[in-house]
N, C-alpha and C. Protein backbone atom coordinates (compact mmCIF):
# COMPACT_ATOMS: atom_id res chain seq x y z
N MET A 1 -83.00 122.27 -83.92
CA MET A 1 -82.54 123.57 -83.63
C MET A 1 -81.10 123.78 -83.98
N GLN A 2 -80.68 124.95 -84.41
CA GLN A 2 -79.34 125.07 -85.00
C GLN A 2 -78.39 125.79 -84.14
N SER A 3 -78.83 126.39 -83.06
CA SER A 3 -77.86 127.10 -82.26
C SER A 3 -78.09 126.82 -80.73
N ASN A 4 -77.06 127.12 -80.01
CA ASN A 4 -77.15 126.96 -78.58
C ASN A 4 -78.14 127.96 -78.05
N VAL A 5 -78.25 129.12 -78.59
CA VAL A 5 -79.20 130.12 -78.09
C VAL A 5 -80.69 129.72 -78.38
N GLU A 6 -80.88 129.09 -79.48
CA GLU A 6 -82.32 128.52 -79.74
C GLU A 6 -82.64 127.54 -78.84
N VAL A 7 -81.63 126.61 -78.51
CA VAL A 7 -81.93 125.51 -77.54
C VAL A 7 -82.22 125.98 -76.14
N LEU A 8 -81.26 126.80 -75.73
CA LEU A 8 -81.43 127.34 -74.20
C LEU A 8 -82.81 128.13 -74.19
N ASN A 9 -83.23 129.01 -75.20
CA ASN A 9 -84.41 129.59 -75.20
C ASN A 9 -85.62 128.67 -75.11
N PHE A 10 -85.57 127.64 -75.91
CA PHE A 10 -86.60 126.65 -75.94
C PHE A 10 -86.65 126.04 -74.60
N LEU A 11 -85.59 125.56 -74.01
CA LEU A 11 -85.63 124.89 -72.68
C LEU A 11 -86.21 125.89 -71.58
N ALA A 12 -85.79 127.08 -71.65
CA ALA A 12 -86.24 128.06 -70.67
C ALA A 12 -87.74 128.25 -70.73
N SER A 13 -88.25 128.22 -72.01
CA SER A 13 -89.77 128.53 -72.26
C SER A 13 -90.66 127.43 -72.36
N ASN A 14 -90.10 126.21 -72.20
CA ASN A 14 -90.98 124.99 -72.27
C ASN A 14 -91.88 124.95 -71.02
N PRO A 15 -93.14 124.71 -71.15
CA PRO A 15 -93.95 124.55 -69.89
C PRO A 15 -93.57 123.34 -69.15
N PRO A 16 -93.88 123.35 -67.83
CA PRO A 16 -93.67 122.29 -67.00
C PRO A 16 -94.16 120.94 -67.44
N ARG A 17 -93.55 119.84 -67.00
CA ARG A 17 -93.96 118.54 -67.42
C ARG A 17 -95.40 118.22 -67.28
N THR A 18 -96.06 118.78 -66.27
CA THR A 18 -97.41 118.52 -66.05
C THR A 18 -98.38 119.24 -67.06
N SER A 19 -97.93 120.21 -67.82
CA SER A 19 -98.79 120.85 -68.64
C SER A 19 -98.97 120.06 -70.02
N PRO A 20 -100.16 120.09 -70.56
CA PRO A 20 -100.45 119.30 -71.79
C PRO A 20 -99.51 119.85 -72.93
N SER A 21 -99.12 121.04 -72.95
CA SER A 21 -98.32 121.65 -74.09
C SER A 21 -96.78 121.47 -73.85
N HIS A 22 -96.43 120.67 -72.87
CA HIS A 22 -95.07 120.43 -72.53
C HIS A 22 -94.50 119.71 -73.72
N ARG A 23 -93.36 120.15 -74.23
CA ARG A 23 -92.61 119.29 -75.16
C ARG A 23 -91.50 118.45 -74.52
N ILE A 24 -91.15 117.26 -74.90
CA ILE A 24 -90.09 116.50 -74.31
C ILE A 24 -88.86 116.80 -74.98
N PRO A 25 -87.80 117.46 -74.37
CA PRO A 25 -86.57 117.92 -75.01
C PRO A 25 -85.72 116.65 -74.93
N VAL A 26 -85.20 116.33 -76.20
CA VAL A 26 -84.31 115.29 -76.33
C VAL A 26 -83.08 115.62 -77.24
N LEU A 27 -81.88 115.30 -76.68
CA LEU A 27 -80.59 115.73 -77.26
C LEU A 27 -79.94 114.49 -77.99
N SER A 28 -79.48 114.48 -79.15
CA SER A 28 -78.74 113.49 -79.83
C SER A 28 -77.24 113.95 -79.98
N VAL A 29 -76.25 113.19 -79.68
CA VAL A 29 -74.84 113.43 -79.71
C VAL A 29 -74.13 112.43 -80.59
N SER A 30 -73.37 113.05 -81.57
CA SER A 30 -72.67 112.12 -82.51
C SER A 30 -71.40 111.57 -81.86
N PRO A 31 -71.02 110.38 -82.38
CA PRO A 31 -69.85 109.72 -81.66
C PRO A 31 -68.53 110.55 -81.97
N GLN A 32 -68.48 111.36 -83.00
CA GLN A 32 -67.37 112.35 -83.20
C GLN A 32 -67.35 113.36 -82.12
N SER A 33 -68.45 113.87 -81.70
CA SER A 33 -68.49 114.86 -80.71
C SER A 33 -68.21 114.30 -79.42
N LEU A 34 -68.55 113.12 -79.02
CA LEU A 34 -68.14 112.40 -77.79
C LEU A 34 -66.65 112.11 -77.73
N ALA A 35 -66.02 111.73 -78.86
CA ALA A 35 -64.69 111.45 -78.97
C ALA A 35 -63.85 112.82 -78.75
N SER A 36 -64.23 113.89 -79.43
CA SER A 36 -63.55 115.17 -79.31
C SER A 36 -63.75 115.64 -77.73
N LEU A 37 -64.87 115.47 -77.18
CA LEU A 37 -65.07 115.98 -75.78
C LEU A 37 -64.20 115.08 -74.95
N ALA A 38 -64.11 113.84 -75.14
CA ALA A 38 -63.35 112.92 -74.22
C ALA A 38 -61.86 113.31 -74.32
N ILE A 39 -61.40 113.60 -75.45
CA ILE A 39 -59.94 114.05 -75.51
C ILE A 39 -59.77 115.53 -74.80
N ALA A 40 -60.64 116.25 -75.09
CA ALA A 40 -60.55 117.68 -74.49
C ALA A 40 -60.59 117.56 -73.03
N CYS A 41 -61.43 116.65 -72.42
CA CYS A 41 -61.54 116.51 -70.94
C CYS A 41 -60.31 115.97 -70.40
N SER A 42 -59.55 115.26 -71.09
CA SER A 42 -58.49 114.47 -70.57
C SER A 42 -57.10 115.19 -70.74
N VAL A 43 -57.01 116.09 -71.73
CA VAL A 43 -55.72 116.74 -72.08
C VAL A 43 -55.15 117.61 -71.10
N ASP A 44 -56.06 118.35 -70.35
CA ASP A 44 -55.55 119.26 -69.35
C ASP A 44 -54.87 118.61 -68.02
N ASN A 45 -55.49 117.62 -67.71
CA ASN A 45 -55.06 116.96 -66.50
C ASN A 45 -54.05 115.85 -66.56
N GLY A 46 -53.65 115.51 -67.77
CA GLY A 46 -52.70 114.59 -68.02
C GLY A 46 -53.08 112.96 -67.79
N THR A 47 -54.25 112.87 -67.58
CA THR A 47 -54.91 111.38 -67.32
C THR A 47 -55.21 110.73 -68.71
N PRO A 48 -55.21 109.50 -68.71
CA PRO A 48 -55.64 108.81 -69.99
C PRO A 48 -57.01 109.32 -70.37
N PRO A 49 -57.25 109.41 -71.73
CA PRO A 49 -58.48 109.83 -72.23
C PRO A 49 -59.75 109.13 -71.58
N THR A 50 -60.76 109.91 -71.34
CA THR A 50 -62.12 109.33 -70.84
C THR A 50 -62.71 108.55 -72.08
N SER A 51 -63.24 107.45 -71.77
CA SER A 51 -63.86 106.78 -72.98
C SER A 51 -65.15 107.59 -73.37
N PRO A 52 -65.55 107.51 -74.61
CA PRO A 52 -66.73 108.13 -75.08
C PRO A 52 -67.99 107.59 -74.35
N ARG A 53 -68.03 106.40 -74.03
CA ARG A 53 -69.16 105.94 -73.25
C ARG A 53 -69.26 106.61 -71.78
N ARG A 54 -68.17 106.63 -71.27
CA ARG A 54 -68.24 107.15 -69.90
C ARG A 54 -68.58 108.74 -69.95
N LEU A 55 -68.09 109.38 -71.05
CA LEU A 55 -68.26 110.87 -71.22
C LEU A 55 -69.77 110.96 -71.55
N LEU A 56 -70.33 109.92 -72.36
CA LEU A 56 -71.75 110.22 -72.71
C LEU A 56 -72.48 110.17 -71.38
N ARG A 57 -72.23 109.33 -70.41
CA ARG A 57 -73.01 109.25 -69.14
C ARG A 57 -72.87 110.63 -68.39
N ARG A 58 -71.68 111.25 -68.56
CA ARG A 58 -71.57 112.50 -67.90
C ARG A 58 -72.40 113.63 -68.55
N VAL A 59 -72.30 113.52 -69.94
CA VAL A 59 -73.16 114.48 -70.67
C VAL A 59 -74.64 114.35 -70.47
N GLN A 60 -74.99 112.99 -70.41
CA GLN A 60 -76.48 112.80 -70.08
C GLN A 60 -76.83 113.27 -68.67
N ALA A 61 -76.06 113.14 -67.71
CA ALA A 61 -76.31 113.62 -66.28
C ALA A 61 -76.42 115.09 -66.36
N PHE A 62 -75.44 115.81 -67.04
CA PHE A 62 -75.44 117.28 -67.07
C PHE A 62 -76.72 117.86 -67.87
N CYS A 63 -76.95 117.24 -69.12
CA CYS A 63 -78.04 117.77 -69.76
C CYS A 63 -79.43 117.45 -69.13
N SER A 64 -79.47 116.41 -68.32
CA SER A 64 -80.78 116.07 -67.62
C SER A 64 -80.97 116.98 -66.35
N GLN A 65 -79.97 117.00 -65.62
CA GLN A 65 -79.90 117.74 -64.21
C GLN A 65 -79.81 119.26 -64.35
N GLU A 66 -78.91 119.69 -65.23
CA GLU A 66 -78.74 121.22 -65.35
C GLU A 66 -79.54 121.86 -66.45
N LEU A 67 -79.73 121.18 -67.50
CA LEU A 67 -80.37 121.79 -68.70
C LEU A 67 -81.83 121.54 -68.79
N GLY A 68 -82.25 120.31 -68.33
CA GLY A 68 -83.72 119.94 -68.38
C GLY A 68 -84.05 119.06 -69.62
N PHE A 69 -83.07 118.47 -70.19
CA PHE A 69 -83.35 117.47 -71.29
C PHE A 69 -84.03 116.21 -70.67
N TYR A 70 -84.85 115.57 -71.28
CA TYR A 70 -85.55 114.36 -70.90
C TYR A 70 -84.63 113.24 -71.08
N ARG A 71 -84.05 113.12 -72.28
CA ARG A 71 -82.98 112.18 -72.58
C ARG A 71 -81.90 112.66 -73.48
N THR A 72 -80.73 112.09 -73.42
CA THR A 72 -79.65 112.39 -74.23
C THR A 72 -79.17 111.07 -74.84
N TYR A 73 -79.07 110.92 -76.12
CA TYR A 73 -78.70 109.72 -76.79
C TYR A 73 -77.45 109.83 -77.64
N ASP A 74 -76.72 108.79 -77.70
CA ASP A 74 -75.52 108.66 -78.79
C ASP A 74 -76.21 108.14 -79.97
N ILE A 75 -75.93 108.75 -81.08
CA ILE A 75 -76.62 108.37 -82.45
C ILE A 75 -75.92 107.17 -83.21
N THR A 76 -75.06 106.54 -82.56
CA THR A 76 -74.34 105.36 -83.27
C THR A 76 -75.21 104.41 -83.78
N PHE A 77 -76.34 104.05 -83.07
CA PHE A 77 -77.38 103.08 -83.57
C PHE A 77 -77.82 103.65 -84.96
N ALA A 78 -78.21 104.88 -84.98
CA ALA A 78 -78.82 105.58 -86.16
C ALA A 78 -77.75 105.51 -87.26
N ARG A 79 -76.51 105.78 -86.85
CA ARG A 79 -75.44 105.71 -88.01
C ARG A 79 -75.41 104.24 -88.61
N HIS A 80 -75.46 103.25 -87.77
CA HIS A 80 -75.45 101.90 -88.38
C HIS A 80 -76.74 101.63 -89.36
N LEU A 81 -77.89 102.10 -88.85
CA LEU A 81 -78.96 102.03 -89.79
C LEU A 81 -78.69 102.80 -91.09
N THR A 82 -78.27 103.96 -91.07
CA THR A 82 -77.96 104.79 -92.22
C THR A 82 -76.96 104.01 -93.11
N LEU A 83 -75.89 103.42 -92.63
CA LEU A 83 -74.99 102.58 -93.30
C LEU A 83 -75.54 101.52 -93.99
N LEU A 84 -76.39 100.77 -93.29
CA LEU A 84 -77.13 99.51 -93.83
C LEU A 84 -77.86 99.97 -95.08
N GLU A 85 -78.69 101.13 -94.88
CA GLU A 85 -79.66 101.64 -95.95
C GLU A 85 -78.93 102.08 -97.15
N GLN A 86 -77.72 102.74 -96.87
CA GLN A 86 -76.86 103.36 -98.00
C GLN A 86 -76.27 102.18 -98.63
N ALA A 87 -75.89 101.12 -98.10
CA ALA A 87 -75.32 99.93 -98.76
C ALA A 87 -76.34 99.39 -99.67
N ARG A 88 -77.59 99.21 -99.14
CA ARG A 88 -78.64 98.65 -99.98
C ARG A 88 -79.01 99.51 -101.12
N GLU A 89 -79.06 100.75 -100.89
CA GLU A 89 -79.26 101.90 -102.06
C GLU A 89 -78.24 101.75 -103.04
N PHE A 90 -76.98 101.59 -102.58
CA PHE A 90 -75.85 101.50 -103.72
C PHE A 90 -75.99 100.32 -104.50
N ARG A 91 -76.27 99.11 -103.85
CA ARG A 91 -76.57 97.86 -104.60
C ARG A 91 -77.69 98.06 -105.68
N GLU A 92 -78.83 98.74 -105.22
CA GLU A 92 -79.84 98.90 -106.14
C GLU A 92 -79.42 99.91 -107.24
N ARG A 93 -78.73 100.92 -107.03
CA ARG A 93 -78.30 101.78 -108.00
C ARG A 93 -77.31 101.12 -108.96
N LYS A 94 -76.41 100.33 -108.39
CA LYS A 94 -75.47 99.57 -109.32
C LYS A 94 -76.09 98.68 -110.33
N LYS A 95 -77.13 98.00 -109.71
CA LYS A 95 -77.95 97.05 -110.58
C LYS A 95 -78.71 97.82 -111.59
N ALA A 96 -79.16 99.05 -111.29
CA ALA A 96 -80.06 99.90 -112.15
C ALA A 96 -79.14 100.79 -113.01
N SER A 97 -77.83 100.82 -112.77
CA SER A 97 -76.98 101.76 -113.62
C SER A 97 -77.04 101.58 -115.05
N MET A 98 -77.35 100.40 -115.53
CA MET A 98 -77.57 100.12 -116.95
C MET A 98 -78.81 100.89 -117.44
N GLU A 99 -79.72 101.21 -116.56
CA GLU A 99 -81.10 101.85 -117.02
C GLU A 99 -81.02 103.32 -116.70
N GLY A 100 -79.83 103.82 -116.37
CA GLY A 100 -79.78 105.39 -116.22
C GLY A 100 -79.64 105.80 -114.86
N GLU A 101 -79.49 104.94 -113.88
CA GLU A 101 -79.47 105.41 -112.47
C GLU A 101 -78.12 105.92 -112.37
N LYS A 102 -77.91 107.08 -111.66
CA LYS A 102 -76.60 107.82 -111.61
C LYS A 102 -75.59 107.21 -110.52
N LEU A 103 -74.36 107.01 -111.12
CA LEU A 103 -73.40 106.65 -110.21
C LEU A 103 -72.22 107.50 -110.50
N PRO A 104 -71.21 107.78 -109.60
CA PRO A 104 -71.05 107.16 -108.18
C PRO A 104 -72.28 107.73 -107.39
N MET A 105 -72.35 107.12 -106.15
CA MET A 105 -73.41 107.57 -105.21
C MET A 105 -72.65 108.28 -104.04
N LEU A 106 -73.00 109.66 -103.78
CA LEU A 106 -72.34 110.26 -102.79
C LEU A 106 -73.24 110.39 -101.54
N SER A 107 -72.58 110.15 -100.30
CA SER A 107 -73.34 110.14 -99.10
C SER A 107 -72.54 110.80 -98.12
N SER A 108 -73.16 111.20 -97.00
CA SER A 108 -72.45 111.87 -95.90
C SER A 108 -73.34 111.73 -94.60
N ALA A 109 -72.61 111.53 -93.44
CA ALA A 109 -73.30 111.44 -92.28
C ALA A 109 -73.67 112.87 -91.70
N CYS A 110 -73.21 113.84 -92.33
CA CYS A 110 -73.38 115.29 -92.00
C CYS A 110 -74.47 115.96 -92.72
N PRO A 111 -75.57 116.35 -92.07
CA PRO A 111 -76.62 116.98 -92.76
C PRO A 111 -76.22 118.32 -93.36
N GLY A 112 -75.21 119.02 -92.64
CA GLY A 112 -74.76 120.24 -93.06
C GLY A 112 -74.00 120.13 -94.49
N TRP A 113 -73.29 119.04 -94.72
CA TRP A 113 -72.74 118.77 -96.07
C TRP A 113 -73.85 118.69 -97.16
N VAL A 114 -74.82 117.99 -96.90
CA VAL A 114 -75.94 117.77 -97.75
C VAL A 114 -76.57 119.10 -98.12
N CYS A 115 -76.78 119.95 -97.20
CA CYS A 115 -77.29 121.31 -97.33
C CYS A 115 -76.52 122.10 -98.13
N TYR A 116 -75.06 122.10 -97.92
CA TYR A 116 -74.06 122.85 -98.64
C TYR A 116 -74.07 122.34 -100.18
N ALA A 117 -74.15 121.08 -100.36
CA ALA A 117 -74.02 120.52 -101.71
C ALA A 117 -75.19 120.97 -102.43
N GLU A 118 -76.47 120.86 -101.86
CA GLU A 118 -77.86 121.19 -102.58
C GLU A 118 -77.73 122.66 -102.88
N LYS A 119 -77.15 123.57 -102.07
CA LYS A 119 -77.20 125.03 -102.32
C LYS A 119 -76.19 125.51 -103.31
N THR A 120 -74.89 124.75 -103.22
CA THR A 120 -73.88 125.37 -104.01
C THR A 120 -73.43 124.43 -105.24
N HIS A 121 -73.87 123.18 -105.24
CA HIS A 121 -73.35 122.23 -106.25
C HIS A 121 -74.71 121.36 -106.76
N ALA A 122 -75.67 122.04 -107.34
CA ALA A 122 -76.81 121.37 -107.76
C ALA A 122 -76.48 120.22 -108.67
N GLU A 123 -75.40 120.29 -109.39
CA GLU A 123 -74.98 119.27 -110.41
C GLU A 123 -74.84 117.92 -109.57
N MET A 124 -74.57 117.90 -108.36
CA MET A 124 -74.26 116.72 -107.47
C MET A 124 -75.53 115.96 -106.99
N ILE A 125 -76.74 116.67 -107.06
CA ILE A 125 -77.93 116.10 -106.44
C ILE A 125 -78.33 114.79 -107.10
N PRO A 126 -78.25 114.52 -108.42
CA PRO A 126 -78.62 113.19 -108.88
C PRO A 126 -77.67 112.10 -108.26
N PHE A 127 -76.44 112.42 -107.85
CA PHE A 127 -75.52 111.42 -107.31
C PHE A 127 -75.66 111.21 -105.90
N MET A 128 -76.50 112.15 -105.19
CA MET A 128 -76.48 112.00 -103.76
C MET A 128 -77.46 110.91 -103.19
N SER A 129 -77.02 110.25 -102.19
CA SER A 129 -77.91 109.30 -101.56
C SER A 129 -79.18 109.83 -101.05
N ARG A 130 -80.35 109.11 -101.15
CA ARG A 130 -81.50 109.48 -100.77
C ARG A 130 -81.95 109.21 -99.36
N ILE A 131 -80.89 108.41 -98.61
CA ILE A 131 -81.12 108.00 -97.25
C ILE A 131 -80.85 109.15 -96.33
N LYS A 132 -81.69 109.12 -95.25
CA LYS A 132 -81.61 110.20 -94.26
C LYS A 132 -80.34 110.08 -93.53
N SER A 133 -79.82 111.24 -92.89
CA SER A 133 -78.71 111.21 -92.20
C SER A 133 -78.90 110.55 -90.79
N PRO A 134 -77.81 110.22 -90.07
CA PRO A 134 -78.04 109.62 -88.80
C PRO A 134 -78.92 110.52 -87.79
N GLN A 135 -78.61 111.83 -87.98
CA GLN A 135 -79.43 112.76 -87.11
C GLN A 135 -80.91 112.72 -87.46
N GLN A 136 -81.14 112.69 -88.76
CA GLN A 136 -82.56 112.60 -89.15
C GLN A 136 -83.30 111.30 -88.81
N ILE A 137 -82.58 110.18 -88.88
CA ILE A 137 -83.03 108.88 -88.45
C ILE A 137 -83.34 108.82 -87.05
N MET A 138 -82.39 109.37 -86.26
CA MET A 138 -82.51 109.38 -84.76
C MET A 138 -83.66 110.19 -84.40
N GLY A 139 -83.87 111.33 -85.05
CA GLY A 139 -85.06 112.23 -84.74
C GLY A 139 -86.36 111.54 -85.06
N THR A 140 -86.28 110.80 -86.20
CA THR A 140 -87.59 110.03 -86.61
C THR A 140 -87.93 108.96 -85.43
N LEU A 141 -86.75 108.17 -85.00
CA LEU A 141 -86.93 107.16 -84.07
C LEU A 141 -87.55 107.77 -82.79
N VAL A 142 -86.93 108.86 -82.30
CA VAL A 142 -87.36 109.43 -81.11
C VAL A 142 -88.91 110.06 -81.16
N LYS A 143 -89.13 110.72 -82.22
CA LYS A 143 -90.45 111.39 -82.44
C LYS A 143 -91.46 110.33 -82.55
N SER A 144 -91.26 109.26 -83.49
CA SER A 144 -92.41 108.41 -83.74
C SER A 144 -92.53 107.21 -82.87
N TRP A 145 -91.43 106.58 -82.68
CA TRP A 145 -91.42 105.37 -81.76
C TRP A 145 -91.36 105.74 -80.33
N MET A 146 -90.37 106.50 -79.83
CA MET A 146 -90.11 106.74 -78.40
C MET A 146 -91.17 107.72 -77.96
N GLY A 147 -91.61 108.60 -78.84
CA GLY A 147 -92.69 109.50 -78.43
C GLY A 147 -93.90 108.74 -78.10
N GLY A 148 -94.23 107.76 -78.74
CA GLY A 148 -95.42 106.85 -78.41
C GLY A 148 -95.28 106.13 -77.14
N GLN A 149 -94.01 105.70 -76.82
CA GLN A 149 -93.82 105.13 -75.48
C GLN A 149 -93.87 106.10 -74.31
N TRP A 150 -93.65 107.34 -74.56
CA TRP A 150 -93.78 108.38 -73.50
C TRP A 150 -95.22 108.91 -73.54
N GLY A 151 -96.03 108.49 -74.37
CA GLY A 151 -97.53 109.07 -74.43
C GLY A 151 -97.62 110.30 -75.17
N LYS A 152 -96.67 110.55 -76.08
CA LYS A 152 -96.74 111.77 -76.77
C LYS A 152 -96.91 111.31 -78.27
N THR A 153 -97.82 111.94 -79.02
CA THR A 153 -97.92 111.58 -80.41
C THR A 153 -97.19 112.63 -81.31
N TYR A 154 -96.79 112.10 -82.39
CA TYR A 154 -95.95 113.01 -83.37
C TYR A 154 -96.71 113.17 -84.59
N VAL A 155 -97.06 114.43 -85.05
CA VAL A 155 -97.82 114.66 -86.33
C VAL A 155 -96.78 115.40 -87.22
N ASN A 156 -96.49 114.80 -88.25
CA ASN A 156 -95.62 115.34 -89.27
C ASN A 156 -96.11 116.55 -90.03
């Protein structure tokens, strides 16, 4: 979901957990967002910055108790998976560059950048990494692996 209005509307209209049509709302938060929030929460009162880990716990409590999210996750783990896969892809591209694979390889952790590049700079597409963004990887992990743990099946 792309806007706070869409998210709040979904949360308000989601059937109760006892309903078979209940969807489990999960929020993923980037480490950049946590760092920005930690600074913003500390600037006004003059105290040392709150650590991103501590702020994540606060965000998790708020999102669970006040908004109705089932879980809130930091996507750092998914960022590490993305970086590992992008490094593998780069090694493969470098090895295959003699056979026509395009270099340099462009990548971004921001799906918005990818969308922008695809819409406005089509000439960049052959150079773009094929690896999912951390947000996409986190979504895949939550929907397929964790959904199974929670008794929900995900059909693509």
